[in-house]
């Protein structure tokens, strides 16, 4: 029986869950199941300082999931919008270093929602702290996203347009060094990023493909592509 490629997923801090008595480290079950369906072995890893490169080297691939907002000072902002939530310095430090190490070392990387923003900031990009309130944000929204032809994103999804399940109130303002935009929403929001010439497989999406991956082959295709790249690297 072949060994499943080992996919690292940084855990997210939570004040508590219904099944536990104390603060928790979690990942969405839908996310874990999407990696498992793709043939990967999902492994939540503890956000902790020190030797991020060494820890990442044990894995075949990396998935940067959604979560709370990055601290605005991480991308040079001097003020913080009232809507910014769940900022955690340790989580930011860990995610940003994971992104840099994965890109530098060529570890296959799929970045989702916050994960896309982490990669953008790690490469010197900036974020729009709030998209303009409830009438403009993409929370609890499923909408069409246009995908650029010839991209890794198009190959993974097998589509030039997908129905994307979104939950975010921030978006890319300036793309980081070397990044190209691979997808847009109708309102111009950047929905996908890639890094042409990168050492390893990498694509990022602003939406949550895990929400509908169980019933939408285009969304499951992102996880399939990550695990396939991870297996080929090993």
C-alpha atoms as a PDB file:
ATOM      1  CA  UNK A   1       0.000   0.000   0.000  1.00  0.00           C
ATOM      2  CA  UNK A   2       1.488   3.346  -1.053  1.00  0.00           C
ATOM      3  CA  UNK A   3       2.231   5.988   1.566  1.00  0.00           C
ATOM      4  CA  UNK A   4       0.051   9.070   1.494  1.00  0.00           C
ATOM      5  CA  UNK A   5       1.963  12.351   0.953  1.00  0.00           C
ATOM      6  CA  UNK A   6       2.181  14.182   4.278  1.00  0.00           C
ATOM      7  CA  UNK A   7       0.511  17.603   4.113  1.00  0.00           C
ATOM      8  CA  UNK A   8       1.265  20.114   6.870  1.00  0.00           C
ATOM      9  CA  UNK A   9      -1.598  22.398   7.905  1.00  0.00           C
ATOM     10  CA  UNK A  10      -0.862  25.003  10.603  1.00  0.00           C
ATOM     11  CA  UNK A  11      -3.467  24.829  13.356  1.00  0.00           C
ATOM     12  CA  UNK A  12      -5.647  27.807  14.214  1.00  0.00           C
ATOM     13  CA  UNK A  13      -6.067  28.954  17.798  1.00  0.00           C
ATOM     14  CA  UNK A  14      -9.596  28.781  19.209  1.00  0.00           C
ATOM     15  CA  UNK A  15     -10.934  29.902  22.584  1.00  0.00           C
ATOM     16  CA  UNK A  16     -12.703  26.556  22.879  1.00  0.00           C
ATOM     17  CA  UNK A  17     -14.828  23.931  21.139  1.00  0.00           C
ATOM     18  CA  UNK A  18     -17.925  22.047  22.245  1.00  0.00           C
ATOM     19  CA  UNK A  19     -15.982  18.807  22.705  1.00  0.00           C
ATOM     20  CA  UNK A  20     -13.081  20.240  24.715  1.00  0.00           C
ATOM     21  CA  UNK A  21     -12.861  21.938  28.107  1.00  0.00           C
ATOM     22  CA  UNK A  22     -10.036  24.318  27.256  1.00  0.00           C
ATOM     23  CA  UNK A  23      -8.646  26.512  24.500  1.00  0.00           C
ATOM     24  CA  UNK A  24      -8.011  24.504  21.342  1.00  0.00           C
ATOM     25  CA  UNK A  25      -5.945  24.276  18.181  1.00  0.00           C
ATOM     26  CA  UNK A  26      -8.198  23.440  15.252  1.00  0.00           C
ATOM     27  CA  UNK A  27      -8.676  23.078  11.516  1.00  0.00           C
ATOM     28  CA  UNK A  28     -11.931  22.806   9.606  1.00  0.00           C
ATOM     29  CA  UNK A  29     -13.089  19.221   9.165  1.00  0.00           C
ATOM     30  CA  UNK A  30     -14.072  19.970   5.563  1.00  0.00           C
ATOM     31  CA  UNK A  31     -10.476  21.033   4.864  1.00  0.00           C
ATOM     32  CA  UNK A  32      -9.014  17.885   6.408  1.00  0.00           C
ATOM     33  CA  UNK A  33     -11.463  15.660   4.523  1.00  0.00           C
ATOM     34  CA  UNK A  34     -10.666  17.352   1.200  1.00  0.00           C
ATOM     35  CA  UNK A  35      -6.957  16.574   1.656  1.00  0.00           C
ATOM     36  CA  UNK A  36      -7.794  13.004   2.651  1.00  0.00           C
ATOM     37  CA  UNK A  37     -10.050  12.515  -0.391  1.00  0.00           C
ATOM     38  CA  UNK A  38      -7.169  13.722  -2.546  1.00  0.00           C
ATOM     39  CA  UNK A  39      -4.978  10.923  -1.173  1.00  0.00           C
ATOM     40  CA  UNK A  40      -2.994  13.039   1.280  1.00  0.00           C
ATOM     41  CA  UNK A  41      -2.293  12.544   4.975  1.00  0.00           C
ATOM     42  CA  UNK A  42      -3.359  15.837   6.622  1.00  0.00           C
ATOM     43  CA  UNK A  43      -1.292  16.779   9.674  1.00  0.00           C
ATOM     44  CA  UNK A  44      -2.121  19.808  11.828  1.00  0.00           C
ATOM     45  CA  UNK A  45       1.067  21.398  13.137  1.00  0.00           C
ATOM     46  CA  UNK A  46       1.494  23.531  16.228  1.00  0.00           C
ATOM     47  CA  UNK A  47       2.311  27.216  15.573  1.00  0.00           C
ATOM     48  CA  UNK A  48       5.530  27.741  17.485  1.00  0.00           C
ATOM     49  CA  UNK A  49       8.659  29.838  16.981  1.00  0.00           C
ATOM     50  CA  UNK A  50      11.987  28.361  15.987  1.00  0.00           C
ATOM     51  CA  UNK A  51      13.291  26.077  13.215  1.00  0.00           C
ATOM     52  CA  UNK A  52      10.304  26.472  10.911  1.00  0.00           C
ATOM     53  CA  UNK A  53      12.446  25.345   7.970  1.00  0.00           C
ATOM     54  CA  UNK A  54      13.489  22.167   9.747  1.00  0.00           C
ATOM     55  CA  UNK A  55       9.943  21.308  10.730  1.00  0.00           C
ATOM     56  CA  UNK A  56       8.600  21.961   7.235  1.00  0.00           C
ATOM     57  CA  UNK A  57      11.290  19.743   5.705  1.00  0.00           C
ATOM     58  CA  UNK A  58       9.576  16.703   7.260  1.00  0.00           C
ATOM     59  CA  UNK A  59       6.508  17.228   5.053  1.00  0.00           C
ATOM     60  CA  UNK A  60       5.733  16.670   1.378  1.00  0.00           C
ATOM     61  CA  UNK A  61       3.386  19.645   1.020  1.00  0.00           C
ATOM     62  CA  UNK A  62       1.868  22.598   2.850  1.00  0.00           C
ATOM     63  CA  UNK A  63      -1.659  23.959   3.040  1.00  0.00           C
ATOM     64  CA  UNK A  64      -2.095  27.454   4.502  1.00  0.00           C
ATOM     65  CA  UNK A  65      -5.764  27.640   5.588  1.00  0.00           C
ATOM     66  CA  UNK A  66      -8.144  30.469   6.386  1.00  0.00           C
ATOM     67  CA  UNK A  67      -8.328  32.170   9.756  1.00  0.00           C
ATOM     68  CA  UNK A  68      -8.320  35.563  11.446  1.00  0.00           C
ATOM     69  CA  UNK A  69      -6.765  38.753  10.111  1.00  0.00           C
ATOM     70  CA  UNK A  70      -3.069  39.522   9.850  1.00  0.00           C
ATOM     71  CA  UNK A  71      -1.927  42.412  12.035  1.00  0.00           C
ATOM     72  CA  UNK A  72      -1.983  45.508   9.783  1.00  0.00           C
ATOM     73  CA  UNK A  73       1.563  46.501  10.797  1.00  0.00           C
ATOM     74  CA  UNK A  74       2.734  43.352   8.991  1.00  0.00           C
ATOM     75  CA  UNK A  75       2.124  45.146   5.694  1.00  0.00           C
ATOM     76  CA  UNK A  76       3.119  48.638   6.775  1.00  0.00           C
ATOM     77  CA  UNK A  77      -0.235  50.044   7.912  1.00  0.00           C
ATOM     78  CA  UNK A  78      -0.039  52.515  10.779  1.00  0.00           C
ATOM     79  CA  UNK A  79      -3.735  52.377  11.740  1.00  0.00           C
ATOM     80  CA  UNK A  80      -6.043  49.438  12.385  1.00  0.00           C
ATOM     81  CA  UNK A  81      -9.586  49.329  11.009  1.00  0.00           C
ATOM     82  CA  UNK A  82     -12.336  48.553  13.541  1.00  0.00           C
ATOM     83  CA  UNK A  83     -13.313  45.420  11.613  1.00  0.00           C
ATOM     84  CA  UNK A  84      -9.922  43.699  11.993  1.00  0.00           C
ATOM     85  CA  UNK A  85     -10.380  40.604  14.178  1.00  0.00           C
ATOM     86  CA  UNK A  86      -8.626  37.615  15.782  1.00  0.00           C
ATOM     87  CA  UNK A  87      -5.110  38.963  15.307  1.00  0.00           C
ATOM     88  CA  UNK A  88      -2.482  36.750  16.923  1.00  0.00           C
ATOM     89  CA  UNK A  89       1.231  37.611  16.734  1.00  0.00           C
ATOM     90  CA  UNK A  90       2.398  34.017  17.110  1.00  0.00           C
ATOM     91  CA  UNK A  91       0.060  32.835  14.367  1.00  0.00           C
ATOM     92  CA  UNK A  92       1.257  35.639  12.091  1.00  0.00           C
ATOM     93  CA  UNK A  93       4.934  34.935  12.749  1.00  0.00           C
ATOM     94  CA  UNK A  94       4.499  31.237  12.094  1.00  0.00           C
ATOM     95  CA  UNK A  95       2.356  31.515   8.959  1.00  0.00           C
ATOM     96  CA  UNK A  96       4.544  34.173   7.361  1.00  0.00           C
ATOM     97  CA  UNK A  97       7.699  32.147   7.954  1.00  0.00           C
ATOM     98  CA  UNK A  98       6.028  28.967   6.699  1.00  0.00           C
ATOM     99  CA  UNK A  99       5.051  30.759   3.488  1.00  0.00           C
ATOM    100  CA  UNK A 100       8.566  32.088   2.934  1.00  0.00           C
ATOM    101  CA  UNK A 101      10.195  28.744   3.642  1.00  0.00           C
ATOM    102  CA  UNK A 102       7.809  26.804   1.385  1.00  0.00           C
ATOM    103  CA  UNK A 103       8.388  29.178  -1.516  1.00  0.00           C
ATOM    104  CA  UNK A 104      12.155  29.260  -1.002  1.00  0.00           C
ATOM    105  CA  UNK A 105      12.465  25.482  -0.708  1.00  0.00           C
ATOM    106  CA  UNK A 106       9.937  24.484  -3.355  1.00  0.00           C
ATOM    107  CA  UNK A 107       7.562  22.638  -1.020  1.00  0.00           C
ATOM    108  CA  UNK A 108       4.196  22.382  -2.853  1.00  0.00           C
ATOM    109  CA  UNK A 109       1.869  24.993  -1.382  1.00  0.00           C
ATOM    110  CA  UNK A 110      -1.866  25.632  -1.560  1.00  0.00           C
ATOM    111  CA  UNK A 111      -2.926  28.845   0.209  1.00  0.00           C
ATOM    112  CA  UNK A 112      -6.578  29.504   1.047  1.00  0.00           C
ATOM    113  CA  UNK A 113      -8.242  32.798   2.078  1.00  0.00           C
ATOM    114  CA  UNK A 114      -6.031  34.092   4.933  1.00  0.00           C
ATOM    115  CA  UNK A 115      -3.349  31.859   3.438  1.00  0.00           C
ATOM    116  CA  UNK A 116      -3.422  33.825   0.175  1.00  0.00           C
ATOM    117  CA  UNK A 117      -3.083  37.053   2.136  1.00  0.00           C
ATOM    118  CA  UNK A 118      -0.201  35.602   4.151  1.00  0.00           C
ATOM    119  CA  UNK A 119       1.738  34.751   0.983  1.00  0.00           C
ATOM    120  CA  UNK A 120       1.062  38.188  -0.477  1.00  0.00           C
ATOM    121  CA  UNK A 121       2.321  39.934   2.668  1.00  0.00           C
ATOM    122  CA  UNK A 122       5.289  37.556   3.010  1.00  0.00           C
ATOM    123  CA  UNK A 123       6.404  38.710  -0.447  1.00  0.00           C
ATOM    124  CA  UNK A 124       5.938  42.417   0.322  1.00  0.00           C
ATOM    125  CA  UNK A 125       2.330  42.907  -0.743  1.00  0.00           C
ATOM    126  CA  UNK A 126      -0.370  44.856   1.074  1.00  0.00           C
ATOM    127  CA  UNK A 127      -4.012  44.329   2.023  1.00  0.00           C
ATOM    128  CA  UNK A 128      -7.126  46.459   2.028  1.00  0.00           C
ATOM    129  CA  UNK A 129      -8.133  46.189   5.686  1.00  0.00           C
ATOM    130  CA  UNK A 130     -11.858  46.308   4.976  1.00  0.00           C
ATOM    131  CA  UNK A 131     -13.740  46.059   1.700  1.00  0.00           C
ATOM    132  CA  UNK A 132     -16.337  48.649   2.685  1.00  0.00           C
ATOM    133  CA  UNK A 133     -18.796  47.110   5.108  1.00  0.00           C
ATOM    134  CA  UNK A 134     -21.557  44.478   4.833  1.00  0.00           C
ATOM    135  CA  UNK A 135     -22.734  45.646   1.418  1.00  0.00           C
ATOM    136  CA  UNK A 136     -19.286  45.149  -0.108  1.00  0.00           C
ATOM    137  CA  UNK A 137     -17.596  42.308   1.777  1.00  0.00           C
ATOM    138  CA  UNK A 138     -17.602  38.684   0.670  1.00  0.00           C
ATOM    139  CA  UNK A 139     -18.971  36.946   3.764  1.00  0.00           C
ATOM    140  CA  UNK A 140     -21.334  33.985   3.314  1.00  0.00           C
ATOM    141  CA  UNK A 141     -21.246  34.623  -0.435  1.00  0.00           C
ATOM    142  CA  UNK A 142     -21.100  32.184  -3.329  1.00  0.00           C
ATOM    143  CA  UNK A 143     -20.264  33.967  -6.551  1.00  0.00           C
ATOM    144  CA  UNK A 144     -18.631  33.321  -9.922  1.00  0.00           C
ATOM    145  CA  UNK A 145     -14.873  33.779 -10.240  1.00  0.00           C
ATOM    146  CA  UNK A 146     -13.144  34.092 -13.589  1.00  0.00           C
ATOM    147  CA  UNK A 147      -9.868  32.158 -13.882  1.00  0.00           C
ATOM    148  CA  UNK A 148      -7.051  33.147 -16.201  1.00  0.00           C
ATOM    149  CA  UNK A 149      -6.249  30.596 -18.887  1.00  0.00           C
ATOM    150  CA  UNK A 150      -2.949  28.745 -18.819  1.00  0.00           C
ATOM    151  CA  UNK A 151      -2.511  29.022 -15.053  1.00  0.00           C
ATOM    152  CA  UNK A 152      -1.946  26.299 -12.486  1.00  0.00           C
ATOM    153  CA  UNK A 153      -5.313  27.318 -11.070  1.00  0.00           C
ATOM    154  CA  UNK A 154      -7.043  26.586 -14.366  1.00  0.00           C
ATOM    155  CA  UNK A 155      -5.284  23.240 -14.647  1.00  0.00           C
ATOM    156  CA  UNK A 156      -6.195  22.257 -11.089  1.00  0.00           C
ATOM    157  CA  UNK A 157      -9.868  23.210 -11.352  1.00  0.00           C
ATOM    158  CA  UNK A 158     -10.278  22.307 -15.012  1.00  0.00           C
ATOM    159  CA  UNK A 159     -12.345  25.455 -15.462  1.00  0.00           C
ATOM    160  CA  UNK A 160     -12.208  29.070 -16.606  1.00  0.00           C
ATOM    161  CA  UNK A 161     -15.026  30.026 -14.241  1.00  0.00           C
ATOM    162  CA  UNK A 162     -15.997  28.522 -10.891  1.00  0.00           C
ATOM    163  CA  UNK A 163     -18.633  29.137  -8.247  1.00  0.00           C
ATOM    164  CA  UNK A 164     -16.584  30.196  -5.222  1.00  0.00           C
ATOM    165  CA  UNK A 165     -17.689  30.037  -1.582  1.00  0.00           C
ATOM    166  CA  UNK A 166     -16.247  33.138   0.086  1.00  0.00           C
ATOM    167  CA  UNK A 167     -15.891  34.431   3.618  1.00  0.00           C
ATOM    168  CA  UNK A 168     -13.632  37.476   3.863  1.00  0.00           C
ATOM    169  CA  UNK A 169     -13.818  41.208   4.502  1.00  0.00           C
ATOM    170  CA  UNK A 170     -10.293  42.011   3.343  1.00  0.00           C
ATOM    171  CA  UNK A 171      -8.611  41.681  -0.042  1.00  0.00           C
ATOM    172  CA  UNK A 172      -5.343  42.248  -1.882  1.00  0.00           C
ATOM    173  CA  UNK A 173      -4.374  45.858  -2.384  1.00  0.00           C
ATOM    174  CA  UNK A 174      -0.872  45.458  -3.851  1.00  0.00           C
ATOM    175  CA  UNK A 175       0.537  42.121  -4.948  1.00  0.00           C
ATOM    176  CA  UNK A 176       3.846  40.955  -3.519  1.00  0.00           C
ATOM    177  CA  UNK A 177       7.052  40.621  -5.501  1.00  0.00           C
ATOM    178  CA  UNK A 178       6.749  38.238  -8.450  1.00  0.00           C
ATOM    179  CA  UNK A 179       3.109  37.313  -7.847  1.00  0.00           C
ATOM    180  CA  UNK A 180       0.607  37.359 -10.695  1.00  0.00           C
ATOM    181  CA  UNK A 181      -3.178  37.512 -10.444  1.00  0.00           C
ATOM    182  CA  UNK A 182      -4.881  34.367 -11.739  1.00  0.00           C
ATOM    183  CA  UNK A 183      -8.527  35.024 -10.869  1.00  0.00           C
ATOM    184  CA  UNK A 184     -10.962  37.899 -10.269  1.00  0.00           C
ATOM    185  CA  UNK A 185     -14.469  38.350  -8.918  1.00  0.00           C
ATOM    186  CA  UNK A 186     -16.892  40.583 -10.815  1.00  0.00           C
ATOM    187  CA  UNK A 187     -16.165  43.506  -8.468  1.00  0.00           C
ATOM    188  CA  UNK A 188     -12.442  43.322  -9.243  1.00  0.00           C
ATOM    189  CA  UNK A 189     -11.413  41.528  -6.058  1.00  0.00           C
ATOM    190  CA  UNK A 190      -8.275  39.432  -6.556  1.00  0.00           C
ATOM    191  CA  UNK A 191      -9.337  35.814  -6.093  1.00  0.00           C
ATOM    192  CA  UNK A 192      -6.183  33.956  -7.127  1.00  0.00           C
ATOM    193  CA  UNK A 193      -2.399  34.351  -7.075  1.00  0.00           C
ATOM    194  CA  UNK A 194       0.551  32.416  -8.465  1.00  0.00           C
ATOM    195  CA  UNK A 195       4.314  32.871  -8.619  1.00  0.00           C
ATOM    196  CA  UNK A 196       5.656  32.153 -12.115  1.00  0.00           C
ATOM    197  CA  UNK A 197       9.068  30.543 -12.003  1.00  0.00           C
ATOM    198  CA  UNK A 198       8.712  29.386  -8.403  1.00  0.00           C
ATOM    199  CA  UNK A 199      10.731  26.334  -7.369  1.00  0.00           C
ATOM    200  CA  UNK A 200       7.661  24.303  -6.439  1.00  0.00           C
ATOM    201  CA  UNK A 201       3.962  23.980  -7.230  1.00  0.00           C
ATOM    202  CA  UNK A 202       2.056  26.916  -5.747  1.00  0.00           C
ATOM    203  CA  UNK A 203      -1.353  28.457  -6.148  1.00  0.00           C
ATOM    204  CA  UNK A 204      -3.522  30.560  -3.839  1.00  0.00           C
ATOM    205  CA  UNK A 205      -7.233  31.339  -3.772  1.00  0.00           C
ATOM    206  CA  UNK A 206      -9.165  33.933  -1.785  1.00  0.00           C
ATOM    207  CA  UNK A 207     -12.209  31.704  -1.443  1.00  0.00           C
ATOM    208  CA  UNK A 208     -12.798  28.487   0.530  1.00  0.00           C
ATOM    209  CA  UNK A 209     -12.714  25.504  -1.853  1.00  0.00           C
ATOM    210  CA  UNK A 210     -13.178  23.091   1.057  1.00  0.00           C
ATOM    211  CA  UNK A 211     -16.744  24.363   1.547  1.00  0.00           C
ATOM    212  CA  UNK A 212     -18.001  22.699  -1.636  1.00  0.00           C
ATOM    213  CA  UNK A 213     -15.175  20.291  -2.574  1.00  0.00           C
ATOM    214  CA  UNK A 214     -17.283  17.282  -1.566  1.00  0.00           C
ATOM    215  CA  UNK A 215     -19.724  18.034  -4.386  1.00  0.00           C
ATOM    216  CA  UNK A 216     -17.782  20.195  -6.855  1.00  0.00           C
ATOM    217  CA  UNK A 217     -14.932  18.493  -8.755  1.00  0.00           C
ATOM    218  CA  UNK A 218     -13.413  21.882  -9.658  1.00  0.00           C
ATOM    219  CA  UNK A 219     -12.926  22.719  -5.980  1.00  0.00           C
ATOM    220  CA  UNK A 220     -11.701  19.241  -5.053  1.00  0.00           C
ATOM    221  CA  UNK A 221      -9.262  19.559  -7.931  1.00  0.00           C
ATOM    222  CA  UNK A 222      -7.230  22.103  -5.958  1.00  0.00           C
ATOM    223  CA  UNK A 223      -6.574  19.593  -3.182  1.00  0.00           C
ATOM    224  CA  UNK A 224      -5.935  16.842  -5.718  1.00  0.00           C
ATOM    225  CA  UNK A 225      -3.316  19.023  -7.429  1.00  0.00           C
ATOM    226  CA  UNK A 226      -1.573  19.822  -4.143  1.00  0.00           C
ATOM    227  CA  UNK A 227      -1.352  16.181  -3.095  1.00  0.00           C
ATOM    228  CA  UNK A 228      -0.239  15.108  -6.562  1.00  0.00           C
ATOM    229  CA  UNK A 229       2.561  17.694  -6.543  1.00  0.00           C
ATOM    230  CA  UNK A 230       3.535  16.614  -3.020  1.00  0.00           C
ATOM    231  CA  UNK A 231       3.702  12.975  -4.118  1.00  0.00           C
ATOM    232  CA  UNK A 232       5.807  13.797  -7.178  1.00  0.00           C
ATOM    233  CA  UNK A 233       8.230  15.816  -5.074  1.00  0.00           C
ATOM    234  CA  UNK A 234       8.767  12.954  -2.692  1.00  0.00           C
END
